[in-house]
Structure formats: structure tokens, C-alpha cells
Amino acid sequence: MSSATPSPVPGNSTTIANPNKALWEKGDFTKIAGFMRESGEALVNSVGVTPSMRALDLGCGDGTTAVPMARLGAEVAGIDIARNLVDAGNKRAAALGLPRLKFQEGDACNLQGVADRSFDLTISIFGAMFAPKPFDVAREMVRVTKPGGRIVMGNWIPNDPTFVSQLLKISSAFTPPPPEGFISPMTWGVEANVIERFGQAGVPKEKISMAKDTYSFLSAEKSPAHFIDLFERFYGPTMNALEAARKSGRAADFQSQLLELANSQNRRTDGGTSIPATFLRVTVAL
């Protein structure tokens, strides 16, 4: 693999019609991503990234897993629906001196312009699970991954007692019902759904392995109260829930539930934050 600067994966950002685009551009997920860097790096270190790899990070944000892959020498393309996160990722890559890492706007349901069998590794950690058409997402991930390559997903699990599942559960209780035909992103945390979706994309069940894993939100200096404040101000789904709670006069109840959740699950006692969250780790061998 050449060490030269990679060309951006071609695509047409002007035709994206993903309804999640406005949701993820509404806030600024980079503020929350600071709590995710350490776990993102640990996850990447467990995947087996090598300098010879060409990797895709789908739903990449500003590079919590893309940056560690590039630091290990891989040529990495990061694709996200949110233009602000793509811009932030490219700024991070430039600041860190990672010329083989490029971010661009794109839709996980339809990776326009991305050639078949382009990547040795396609990874999506809490990213592609939020795209609205899960069967299309599975098909696209399989399409752009080389034979002999791998797909690795991290997906939150519905009704899990740990932080993220409960955060989203609390938020949903304060928001209006979703539109007809909406498929919850949490369905990606159900093993039978994973098997069905990749099965329709042509992957036999025996090529799919799944295990529960833990991802932690970490900060030595910032408290759980600060962490929740960031969700309320910068995380699209929580922002929407808080707006709806304010309209119904229930904002204080909503905020107190979130703070209680974070405090109860925090494992640090020194004013910092260490909040673990269980997720379903999916590995697909092609």
C-alpha cells in the first residue's frame, strides 16, 4: 500500500436525503467525543489494524476510531452524514499529521461513488446503527468490503441496564412517537436482527460472530454533571428530548433523571467520570 496521500472516496454529498442529517448536525458531537477517545483507541487496538490495510470508518464522527486506525498506519476513509463532524475530522487529521486519513460526507444507506470491494476493514462503532434503513446499511457495508476482509460494528443494546441504552430510553419517554415506518437504531443490538440483515446481504450465519463488550466514557477532570450537560447541549437526540420536555413542562424531571442515571453509573469517586456502557460487538468475516 502506497504511503502517499489517499484520494478521497468519491461521492456526491449534494444528493444525500438521510433524515438523520439534520439531527446529527444540530448539535456538536465533538464535545461528547472527548469522553470517548480512550475507549475508542482501546477498541481499535483490539481489532488488529495493520499498515497494509485500507479501512473505512462509517458514521465516524470526528474520528474517535478513525484516528487510532490511521495512527497504526492504515489508510483510512471516514464517512459521516454530518458535515460539521466531517469538517472537524479533517481538521483533526491535519493537526495530527495524518495524511492517510480523509473524512467526507456520505450516507451509510447509500455509499454513492464508493467502489465495490474497496476496504480490508469496514468499522462502525455506534455510527451506522443510527442510519434509517438497516438492510441497506448491511448491504452497503458488505458491498464495499473486500473478500477476505472484515466488518466490525459496535451497537447499543435495547433495554440494557447500562448508560447509553438507559439514556436513549429516558429520552424517548419525553419525545413524541416516531413517524410511521421508523426502525429504532437499537434493533441493531439484537443478534437475530444482525443475522437477518447481513443474511439478506449474502453473508451466512456462520460468518457472523457477536459478543457483549464494554465501552467507557472517561474524564479525569470532568464530572458526570458536566457530562450530562454536554448531552443536553450538543447531542441531537437529547437536545430534541429536552426541547419536547420543556414544551410539556417536564424539563426538570427529564434533566433530573439523566443526572441520576449518570451519577448512579459513575465508577469514580474523585469528581471525575468513568461510566461504562455495554454494547454488542459484531464481527462479519467475508
C-alpha atoms as a PDB file:
ATOM      1  CA  MET A   1       0.000   0.000   0.000  1.00  0.00           C
ATOM      2  CA  SER A   2       1.414   3.346  -1.002  1.00  0.00           C
ATOM      3  CA  SER A   3       2.164   5.811   1.775  1.00  0.00           C
ATOM      4  CA  ALA A   4       1.077   8.667  -0.466  1.00  0.00           C
ATOM      5  CA  THR A   5      -1.879  10.794   0.451  1.00  0.00           C
ATOM      6  CA  PRO A   6      -5.032   8.850  -0.492  1.00  0.00           C
ATOM      7  CA  SER A   7      -7.573  10.316  -2.813  1.00  0.00           C
ATOM      8  CA  PRO A   8     -10.909  10.997  -1.119  1.00  0.00           C
ATOM      9  CA  VAL A   9     -13.534   8.341  -1.683  1.00  0.00           C
ATOM     10  CA  PRO A  10     -15.739   9.806  -4.436  1.00  0.00           C
ATOM     11  CA  GLY A  11     -19.284  10.678  -3.540  1.00  0.00           C
ATOM     12  CA  ASN A  12     -21.983  13.217  -4.138  1.00  0.00           C
ATOM     13  CA  SER A  13     -22.837  14.977  -0.898  1.00  0.00           C
ATOM     14  CA  THR A  14     -25.413  17.228  -2.542  1.00  0.00           C
ATOM     15  CA  THR A  15     -27.885  14.414  -3.094  1.00  0.00           C
ATOM     16  CA  ILE A  16     -27.980  12.995   0.428  1.00  0.00           C
ATOM     17  CA  ALA A  17     -31.549  12.635   1.690  1.00  0.00           C
ATOM     18  CA  ASN A  18     -30.980  10.917   5.011  1.00  0.00           C
ATOM     19  CA  PRO A  19     -33.464  12.280   7.579  1.00  0.00           C
ATOM     20  CA  ASN A  20     -30.823  11.881  10.289  1.00  0.00           C
ATOM     21  CA  LYS A  21     -28.622  14.542   8.718  1.00  0.00           C
ATOM     22  CA  ALA A  22     -30.341  17.456  10.465  1.00  0.00           C
ATOM     23  CA  LEU A  23     -30.364  15.521  13.755  1.00  0.00           C
ATOM     24  CA  TRP A  24     -26.618  14.957  13.830  1.00  0.00           C
ATOM     25  CA  GLU A  25     -25.754  18.413  12.529  1.00  0.00           C
ATOM     26  CA  LYS A  26     -27.989  20.034  15.140  1.00  0.00           C
ATOM     27  CA  GLY A  27     -25.519  19.700  17.983  1.00  0.00           C
ATOM     28  CA  ASP A  28     -21.767  19.218  18.158  1.00  0.00           C
ATOM     29  CA  PHE A  29     -20.881  15.638  18.966  1.00  0.00           C
ATOM     30  CA  THR A  30     -17.192  16.553  19.201  1.00  0.00           C
ATOM     31  CA  LYS A  31     -17.913  17.903  22.697  1.00  0.00           C
ATOM     32  CA  ILE A  32     -19.005  14.443  23.859  1.00  0.00           C
ATOM     33  CA  ALA A  33     -16.387  12.581  21.829  1.00  0.00           C
ATOM     34  CA  GLY A  34     -13.702  13.829  24.195  1.00  0.00           C
ATOM     35  CA  PHE A  35     -15.048  11.339  26.752  1.00  0.00           C
ATOM     36  CA  MET A  36     -14.786   8.516  24.184  1.00  0.00           C
ATOM     37  CA  ARG A  37     -11.211   8.773  22.891  1.00  0.00           C
ATOM     38  CA  GLU A  38      -9.550   6.340  25.295  1.00  0.00           C
ATOM     39  CA  SER A  39     -12.092   3.575  24.750  1.00  0.00           C
ATOM     40  CA  GLY A  40     -12.068   4.207  21.005  1.00  0.00           C
ATOM     41  CA  GLU A  41      -8.321   3.685  20.901  1.00  0.00           C
ATOM     42  CA  ALA A  42      -8.579   0.514  23.008  1.00  0.00           C
ATOM     43  CA  LEU A  43     -11.248  -0.890  20.708  1.00  0.00           C
ATOM     44  CA  VAL A  44      -9.145  -0.200  17.611  1.00  0.00           C
ATOM     45  CA  ASN A  45      -6.128  -1.845  19.238  1.00  0.00           C
ATOM     46  CA  SER A  46      -8.211  -4.999  19.685  1.00  0.00           C
ATOM     47  CA  VAL A  47      -9.268  -5.200  16.037  1.00  0.00           C
ATOM     48  CA  GLY A  48      -5.866  -5.983  14.520  1.00  0.00           C
ATOM     49  CA  VAL A  49      -5.223  -2.970  12.286  1.00  0.00           C
ATOM     50  CA  THR A  50      -2.048  -3.133  10.174  1.00  0.00           C
ATOM     51  CA  PRO A  51      -0.287  -0.567   7.945  1.00  0.00           C
ATOM     52  CA  SER A  52      -1.184  -2.591   4.850  1.00  0.00           C
ATOM     53  CA  MET A  53      -4.921  -2.115   5.433  1.00  0.00           C
ATOM     54  CA  ARG A  54      -7.330   0.188   3.718  1.00  0.00           C
ATOM     55  CA  ALA A  55     -10.098   0.871   6.242  1.00  0.00           C
ATOM     56  CA  LEU A  56     -13.493   2.552   6.223  1.00  0.00           C
ATOM     57  CA  ASP A  57     -14.950   4.112   9.366  1.00  0.00           C
ATOM     58  CA  LEU A  58     -18.679   4.510   8.748  1.00  0.00           C
ATOM     59  CA  GLY A  59     -20.554   7.006  10.905  1.00  0.00           C
ATOM     60  CA  CYS A  60     -17.106   8.128  12.018  1.00  0.00           C
ATOM     61  CA  GLY A  61     -17.896  11.402  13.800  1.00  0.00           C
ATOM     62  CA  ASP A  62     -14.688  13.373  14.110  1.00  0.00           C
ATOM     63  CA  GLY A  63     -12.503  10.298  14.263  1.00  0.00           C
ATOM     64  CA  THR A  64     -12.692   8.556  17.630  1.00  0.00           C
ATOM     65  CA  THR A  65     -11.850   5.263  15.921  1.00  0.00           C
ATOM     66  CA  ALA A  66     -10.595   6.572  12.559  1.00  0.00           C
ATOM     67  CA  VAL A  67      -7.703   8.479  14.126  1.00  0.00           C
ATOM     68  CA  PRO A  68      -6.318   5.464  16.064  1.00  0.00           C
ATOM     69  CA  MET A  69      -6.537   3.335  12.897  1.00  0.00           C
ATOM     70  CA  ALA A  70      -4.575   5.946  10.962  1.00  0.00           C
ATOM     71  CA  ARG A  71      -2.009   6.187  13.754  1.00  0.00           C
ATOM     72  CA  LEU A  72      -1.436   2.441  13.343  1.00  0.00           C
ATOM     73  CA  GLY A  73      -0.553   3.136   9.707  1.00  0.00           C
ATOM     74  CA  ALA A  74      -3.728   2.169   7.881  1.00  0.00           C
ATOM     75  CA  GLU A  75      -5.107   4.222   5.009  1.00  0.00           C
ATOM     76  CA  VAL A  76      -8.467   5.344   6.397  1.00  0.00           C
ATOM     77  CA  ALA A  77     -11.577   6.891   4.899  1.00  0.00           C
ATOM     78  CA  GLY A  78     -14.068   8.308   7.412  1.00  0.00           C
ATOM     79  CA  ILE A  79     -17.633   8.828   6.203  1.00  0.00           C
ATOM     80  CA  ASP A  80     -20.339  10.586   8.208  1.00  0.00           C
ATOM     81  CA  ILE A  81     -23.747  12.118   7.472  1.00  0.00           C
ATOM     82  CA  ALA A  82     -22.937  15.319   9.400  1.00  0.00           C
ATOM     83  CA  ARG A  83     -20.938  17.958   7.559  1.00  0.00           C
ATOM     84  CA  ASN A  84     -19.774  19.613  10.791  1.00  0.00           C
ATOM     85  CA  LEU A  85     -18.264  16.347  12.028  1.00  0.00           C
ATOM     86  CA  VAL A  86     -16.567  15.714   8.686  1.00  0.00           C
ATOM     87  CA  ASP A  87     -15.001  19.171   8.838  1.00  0.00           C
ATOM     88  CA  ALA A  88     -13.894  18.590  12.436  1.00  0.00           C
ATOM     89  CA  GLY A  89     -12.377  15.237  11.479  1.00  0.00           C
ATOM     90  CA  ASN A  90     -10.359  16.692   8.619  1.00  0.00           C
ATOM     91  CA  LYS A  91      -9.062  19.404  10.956  1.00  0.00           C
ATOM     92  CA  ARG A  92      -8.018  16.742  13.487  1.00  0.00           C
ATOM     93  CA  ALA A  93      -6.271  14.697  10.792  1.00  0.00           C
ATOM     94  CA  ALA A  94      -4.341  17.743   9.589  1.00  0.00           C
ATOM     95  CA  ALA A  95      -3.402  18.816  13.108  1.00  0.00           C
ATOM     96  CA  LEU A  96      -2.190  15.311  13.964  1.00  0.00           C
ATOM     97  CA  GLY A  97      -0.183  14.944  10.757  1.00  0.00           C
ATOM     98  CA  LEU A  98      -2.177  12.004   9.385  1.00  0.00           C
ATOM     99  CA  PRO A  99      -2.201  12.421   5.571  1.00  0.00           C
ATOM    100  CA  ARG A 100      -3.603   8.922   5.001  1.00  0.00           C
ATOM    101  CA  LEU A 101      -6.798   9.799   6.885  1.00  0.00           C
ATOM    102  CA  LYS A 102      -9.553  11.606   4.972  1.00  0.00           C
ATOM    103  CA  PHE A 103     -13.094  12.417   6.112  1.00  0.00           C
ATOM    104  CA  GLN A 104     -16.039  13.060   3.825  1.00  0.00           C
ATOM    105  CA  GLU A 105     -19.776  13.374   3.908  1.00  0.00           C
ATOM    106  CA  GLY A 106     -21.830  10.329   2.979  1.00  0.00           C
ATOM    107  CA  ASP A 107     -24.880   8.214   3.739  1.00  0.00           C
ATOM    108  CA  ALA A 108     -24.432   4.750   5.255  1.00  0.00           C
ATOM    109  CA  CYS A 109     -27.601   3.627   3.465  1.00  0.00           C
ATOM    110  CA  ASN A 110     -26.172   4.507   0.053  1.00  0.00           C
ATOM    111  CA  LEU A 111     -22.407   4.912  -0.268  1.00  0.00           C
ATOM    112  CA  GLN A 112     -22.571   6.685  -3.612  1.00  0.00           C
ATOM    113  CA  GLY A 113     -19.358   6.547  -5.573  1.00  0.00           C
ATOM    114  CA  VAL A 114     -17.620   4.101  -3.242  1.00  0.00           C
ATOM    115  CA  ALA A 115     -16.392   1.207  -5.342  1.00  0.00           C
ATOM    116  CA  ASP A 116     -17.191  -2.419  -4.619  1.00  0.00           C
ATOM    117  CA  ARG A 117     -14.590  -4.305  -2.582  1.00  0.00           C
ATOM    118  CA  SER A 118     -12.648  -1.180  -1.620  1.00  0.00           C
ATOM    119  CA  PHE A 119     -11.725  -1.895   2.007  1.00  0.00           C
ATOM    120  CA  ASP A 120      -9.965  -4.593   4.003  1.00  0.00           C
ATOM    121  CA  LEU A 121     -11.785  -3.449   7.136  1.00  0.00           C
ATOM    122  CA  THR A 122     -15.109  -1.652   7.493  1.00  0.00           C
ATOM    123  CA  ILE A 123     -15.785  -0.461  11.017  1.00  0.00           C
ATOM    124  CA  SER A 124     -18.770   1.355  12.503  1.00  0.00           C
ATOM    125  CA  ILE A 125     -18.842   1.991  16.230  1.00  0.00           C
ATOM    126  CA  PHE A 126     -22.217   3.446  17.296  1.00  0.00           C
ATOM    127  CA  GLY A 127     -22.486   5.052  13.868  1.00  0.00           C
ATOM    128  CA  ALA A 128     -24.207   3.153  11.073  1.00  0.00           C
ATOM    129  CA  MET A 129     -26.704   1.735  13.585  1.00  0.00           C
ATOM    130  CA  PHE A 130     -28.421   5.153  13.535  1.00  0.00           C
ATOM    131  CA  ALA A 131     -28.980   5.173   9.764  1.00  0.00           C
ATOM    132  CA  PRO A 132     -32.680   4.763   8.930  1.00  0.00           C
ATOM    133  CA  LYS A 133     -32.518   1.766   6.551  1.00  0.00           C
ATOM    134  CA  PRO A 134     -30.685  -1.089   8.288  1.00  0.00           C
ATOM    135  CA  PHE A 135     -30.932  -3.619   5.475  1.00  0.00           C
ATOM    136  CA  ASP A 136     -29.429  -1.095   3.073  1.00  0.00           C
ATOM    137  CA  VAL A 137     -26.656  -0.380   5.586  1.00  0.00           C
ATOM    138  CA  ALA A 138     -25.756  -4.071   5.845  1.00  0.00           C
ATOM    139  CA  ARG A 139     -25.789  -4.456   2.062  1.00  0.00           C
ATOM    140  CA  GLU A 140     -23.548  -1.419   1.561  1.00  0.00           C
ATOM    141  CA  MET A 141     -21.031  -2.499   4.196  1.00  0.00           C
ATOM    142  CA  VAL A 142     -20.768  -5.919   2.576  1.00  0.00           C
ATOM    143  CA  ARG A 143     -20.515  -4.387  -0.908  1.00  0.00           C
ATOM    144  CA  VAL A 144     -17.573  -2.094  -0.155  1.00  0.00           C
ATOM    145  CA  THR A 145     -15.577  -4.663   1.861  1.00  0.00           C
ATOM    146  CA  LYS A 146     -13.099  -6.931   0.098  1.00  0.00           C
ATOM    147  CA  PRO A 147     -13.482 -10.727   0.088  1.00  0.00           C
ATOM    148  CA  GLY A 148     -11.375 -11.953   2.983  1.00  0.00           C
ATOM    149  CA  GLY A 149     -11.968  -8.651   4.773  1.00  0.00           C
ATOM    150  CA  ARG A 150     -13.975  -7.907   7.898  1.00  0.00           C
ATOM    151  CA  ILE A 151     -16.812  -5.743   9.099  1.00  0.00           C
ATOM    152  CA  VAL A 152     -16.812  -4.719  12.767  1.00  0.00           C
ATOM    153  CA  MET A 153     -19.808  -2.982  14.332  1.00  0.00           C
ATOM    154  CA  GLY A 154     -20.446  -1.691  17.823  1.00  0.00           C
ATOM    155  CA  ASN A 155     -24.169  -1.416  18.549  1.00  0.00           C
ATOM    156  CA  TRP A 156     -26.021  -0.333  21.663  1.00  0.00           C
ATOM    157  CA  ILE A 157     -28.373  -2.953  23.112  1.00  0.00           C
ATOM    158  CA  PRO A 158     -32.083  -2.276  23.729  1.00  0.00           C
ATOM    159  CA  ASN A 159     -33.203  -2.358  27.383  1.00  0.00           C
ATOM    160  CA  ASP A 160     -29.659  -2.905  28.591  1.00  0.00           C
ATOM    161  CA  PRO A 161     -29.275  -1.533  32.136  1.00  0.00           C
ATOM    162  CA  THR A 162     -26.114   0.435  31.349  1.00  0.00           C
ATOM    163  CA  PHE A 163     -25.768   4.102  30.484  1.00  0.00           C
ATOM    164  CA  VAL A 164     -26.416   4.667  26.777  1.00  0.00           C
ATOM    165  CA  SER A 165     -29.400   2.348  26.466  1.00  0.00           C
ATOM    166  CA  GLN A 166     -30.984   3.973  29.517  1.00  0.00           C
ATOM    167  CA  LEU A 167     -30.168   7.485  28.273  1.00  0.00           C
ATOM    168  CA  LEU A 168     -31.958   6.801  24.998  1.00  0.00           C
ATOM    169  CA  LYS A 169     -34.824   5.090  26.822  1.00  0.00           C
ATOM    170  CA  ILE A 170     -35.333   8.099  29.099  1.00  0.00           C
ATOM    171  CA  SER A 171     -35.129  10.463  26.127  1.00  0.00           C
ATOM    172  CA  SER A 172     -37.743   8.516  24.167  1.00  0.00           C
ATOM    173  CA  ALA A 173     -40.185   8.803  27.075  1.00  0.00           C
ATOM    174  CA  PHE A 174     -40.164  12.597  26.713  1.00  0.00           C
ATOM    175  CA  THR A 175     -40.409  12.815  22.919  1.00  0.00           C
ATOM    176  CA  PRO A 176     -43.401  12.370  20.597  1.00  0.00           C
ATOM    177  CA  PRO A 177     -43.854   8.952  18.974  1.00  0.00           C
ATOM    178  CA  PRO A 178     -41.605   8.415  15.937  1.00  0.00           C
ATOM    179  CA  PRO A 179     -43.085   8.575  12.430  1.00  0.00           C
ATOM    180  CA  GLU A 180     -44.707   5.530  10.903  1.00  0.00           C
ATOM    181  CA  GLY A 181     -42.147   3.140   9.490  1.00  0.00           C
ATOM    182  CA  PHE A 182     -39.375   4.271  11.834  1.00  0.00           C
ATOM    183  CA  ILE A 183     -36.942   1.492  12.721  1.00  0.00           C
ATOM    184  CA  SER A 184     -35.228   2.015  16.049  1.00  0.00           C
ATOM    185  CA  PRO A 185     -31.427   2.086  15.856  1.00  0.00           C
ATOM    186  CA  MET A 186     -31.444  -0.093  18.966  1.00  0.00           C
ATOM    187  CA  THR A 187     -32.669  -3.024  16.851  1.00  0.00           C
ATOM    188  CA  TRP A 188     -29.041  -3.370  15.715  1.00  0.00           C
ATOM    189  CA  GLY A 189     -28.301  -4.576  19.250  1.00  0.00           C
ATOM    190  CA  VAL A 190     -30.445  -7.712  18.777  1.00  0.00           C
ATOM    191  CA  GLU A 191     -28.495 -10.711  17.495  1.00  0.00           C
ATOM    192  CA  ALA A 192     -31.334 -12.121  15.384  1.00  0.00           C
ATOM    193  CA  ASN A 193     -31.658  -8.798  13.556  1.00  0.00           C
ATOM    194  CA  VAL A 194     -27.942  -8.686  12.819  1.00  0.00           C
ATOM    195  CA  ILE A 195     -28.068 -12.191  11.357  1.00  0.00           C
ATOM    196  CA  GLU A 196     -31.131 -11.353   9.267  1.00  0.00           C
ATOM    197  CA  ARG A 197     -29.727  -8.092   7.895  1.00  0.00           C
ATOM    198  CA  PHE A 198     -26.355  -9.473   6.911  1.00  0.00           C
ATOM    199  CA  GLY A 199     -28.047 -12.649   5.703  1.00  0.00           C
ATOM    200  CA  GLN A 200     -30.044 -10.644   3.185  1.00  0.00           C
ATOM    201  CA  ALA A 201     -26.737  -9.097   2.114  1.00  0.00           C
ATOM    202  CA  GLY A 202     -25.451 -12.590   1.335  1.00  0.00           C
ATOM    203  CA  VAL A 203     -23.490 -13.391   4.482  1.00  0.00           C
ATOM    204  CA  PRO A 204     -24.104 -16.839   6.006  1.00  0.00           C
ATOM    205  CA  LYS A 205     -24.785 -17.027   9.729  1.00  0.00           C
ATOM    206  CA  GLU A 206     -21.562 -18.883  10.459  1.00  0.00           C
ATOM    207  CA  LYS A 207     -19.554 -15.908   9.197  1.00  0.00           C
ATOM    208  CA  ILE A 208     -21.044 -13.631  11.872  1.00  0.00           C
ATOM    209  CA  SER A 209     -19.805 -13.595  15.451  1.00  0.00           C
ATOM    210  CA  MET A 210     -21.206 -11.491  18.283  1.00  0.00           C
ATOM    211  CA  ALA A 211     -20.245 -10.796  21.874  1.00  0.00           C
ATOM    212  CA  LYS A 212     -21.107  -8.254  24.538  1.00  0.00           C
ATOM    213  CA  ASP A 213     -18.360  -5.746  25.198  1.00  0.00           C
ATOM    214  CA  THR A 214     -17.916  -2.600  27.295  1.00  0.00           C
ATOM    215  CA  TYR A 215     -17.198   0.975  26.212  1.00  0.00           C
ATOM    216  CA  SER A 216     -16.462   3.605  28.834  1.00  0.00           C
ATOM    217  CA  PHE A 217     -16.939   7.365  28.895  1.00  0.00           C
ATOM    218  CA  LEU A 218     -13.908   8.717  30.707  1.00  0.00           C
ATOM    219  CA  SER A 219     -12.653  12.005  32.080  1.00  0.00           C
ATOM    220  CA  ALA A 220     -10.298  12.541  34.997  1.00  0.00           C
ATOM    221  CA  GLU A 221     -11.345  16.166  35.457  1.00  0.00           C
ATOM    222  CA  LYS A 222     -14.977  16.486  34.360  1.00  0.00           C
ATOM    223  CA  SER A 223     -17.901  15.322  36.471  1.00  0.00           C
ATOM    224  CA  PRO A 224     -20.990  13.324  35.480  1.00  0.00           C
ATOM    225  CA  ALA A 225     -22.997  16.571  35.802  1.00  0.00           C
ATOM    226  CA  HIS A 226     -20.750  18.191  33.201  1.00  0.00           C
ATOM    227  CA  PHE A 227     -21.080  15.078  31.023  1.00  0.00           C
ATOM    228  CA  ILE A 228     -24.891  15.257  31.109  1.00  0.00           C
ATOM    229  CA  ASP A 229     -24.795  18.990  30.417  1.00  0.00           C
ATOM    230  CA  LEU A 230     -22.885  18.235  27.213  1.00  0.00           C
ATOM    231  CA  PHE A 231     -25.554  15.732  26.131  1.00  0.00           C
ATOM    232  CA  GLU A 232     -28.277  18.302  26.759  1.00  0.00           C
ATOM    233  CA  ARG A 233     -26.472  20.984  24.759  1.00  0.00           C
ATOM    234  CA  PHE A 234     -24.740  19.047  21.989  1.00  0.00           C
ATOM    235  CA  TYR A 235     -26.250  15.546  21.416  1.00  0.00           C
ATOM    236  CA  GLY A 236     -29.076  15.722  18.889  1.00  0.00           C
ATOM    237  CA  PRO A 237     -31.441  13.100  20.364  1.00  0.00           C
ATOM    238  CA  THR A 238     -31.062  14.513  23.888  1.00  0.00           C
ATOM    239  CA  MET A 239     -31.469  18.071  22.607  1.00  0.00           C
ATOM    240  CA  ASN A 240     -34.744  17.102  20.925  1.00  0.00           C
ATOM    241  CA  ALA A 241     -35.976  15.325  24.036  1.00  0.00           C
ATOM    242  CA  LEU A 242     -35.165  18.325  26.218  1.00  0.00           C
ATOM    243  CA  GLU A 243     -36.986  20.661  23.827  1.00  0.00           C
ATOM    244  CA  ALA A 244     -40.047  18.408  23.935  1.00  0.00           C
ATOM    245  CA  ALA A 245     -39.832  18.183  27.736  1.00  0.00           C
ATOM    246  CA  ARG A 246     -39.736  21.968  28.005  1.00  0.00           C
ATOM    247  CA  LYS A 247     -42.861  22.280  25.845  1.00  0.00           C
ATOM    248  CA  SER A 248     -44.705  19.880  28.147  1.00  0.00           C
ATOM    249  CA  GLY A 249     -43.381  21.473  31.324  1.00  0.00           C
ATOM    250  CA  ARG A 250     -41.343  18.393  32.230  1.00  0.00           C
ATOM    251  CA  ALA A 251     -37.805  19.644  31.621  1.00  0.00           C
ATOM    252  CA  ALA A 252     -36.768  19.491  35.268  1.00  0.00           C
ATOM    253  CA  ASP A 253     -37.956  15.884  35.533  1.00  0.00           C
ATOM    254  CA  PHE A 254     -36.081  14.933  32.366  1.00  0.00           C
ATOM    255  CA  GLN A 255     -32.848  16.587  33.492  1.00  0.00           C
ATOM    256  CA  SER A 256     -33.001  15.080  36.962  1.00  0.00           C
ATOM    257  CA  GLN A 257     -33.480  11.588  35.514  1.00  0.00           C
ATOM    258  CA  LEU A 258     -30.434  11.985  33.284  1.00  0.00           C
ATOM    259  CA  LEU A 259     -28.287  13.290  36.120  1.00  0.00           C
ATOM    260  CA  GLU A 260     -29.409  10.497  38.442  1.00  0.00           C
ATOM    261  CA  LEU A 261     -28.557   7.967  35.725  1.00  0.00           C
ATOM    262  CA  ALA A 262     -25.042   9.336  35.231  1.00  0.00           C
ATOM    263  CA  ASN A 263     -24.306   9.639  38.946  1.00  0.00           C
ATOM    264  CA  SER A 264     -25.581   6.140  39.693  1.00  0.00           C
ATOM    265  CA  GLN A 265     -23.446   4.563  36.970  1.00  0.00           C
ATOM    266  CA  ASN A 266     -20.274   6.573  37.530  1.00  0.00           C
ATOM    267  CA  ARG A 267     -17.445   4.468  38.961  1.00  0.00           C
ATOM    268  CA  ARG A 268     -15.176   7.312  40.010  1.00  0.00           C
ATOM    269  CA  THR A 269     -15.448   8.910  43.429  1.00  0.00           C
ATOM    270  CA  ASP A 270     -12.968  11.752  42.953  1.00  0.00           C
ATOM    271  CA  GLY A 271     -15.089  14.122  40.861  1.00  0.00           C
ATOM    272  CA  GLY A 272     -14.159  12.596  37.518  1.00  0.00           C
ATOM    273  CA  THR A 273     -16.210  10.412  35.197  1.00  0.00           C
ATOM    274  CA  SER A 274     -15.934   6.712  34.386  1.00  0.00           C
ATOM    275  CA  ILE A 275     -19.254   5.439  33.068  1.00  0.00           C
ATOM    276  CA  PRO A 276     -19.283   2.006  31.372  1.00  0.00           C
ATOM    277  CA  ALA A 277     -21.815   1.050  28.727  1.00  0.00           C
ATOM    278  CA  THR A 278     -22.458  -2.429  27.362  1.00  0.00           C
ATOM    279  CA  PHE A 279     -22.676  -2.893  23.598  1.00  0.00           C
ATOM    280  CA  LEU A 280     -22.972  -5.712  21.079  1.00  0.00           C
ATOM    281  CA  ARG A 281     -19.738  -6.220  19.181  1.00  0.00           C
ATOM    282  CA  VAL A 282     -20.397  -7.719  15.767  1.00  0.00           C
ATOM    283  CA  THR A 283     -17.690  -9.190  13.522  1.00  0.00           C
ATOM    284  CA  VAL A 284     -18.525 -10.274   9.991  1.00  0.00           C
ATOM    285  CA  ALA A 285     -15.917 -12.293   8.046  1.00  0.00           C
ATOM    286  CA  LEU A 286     -16.246 -12.032   4.286  1.00  0.00           C
END
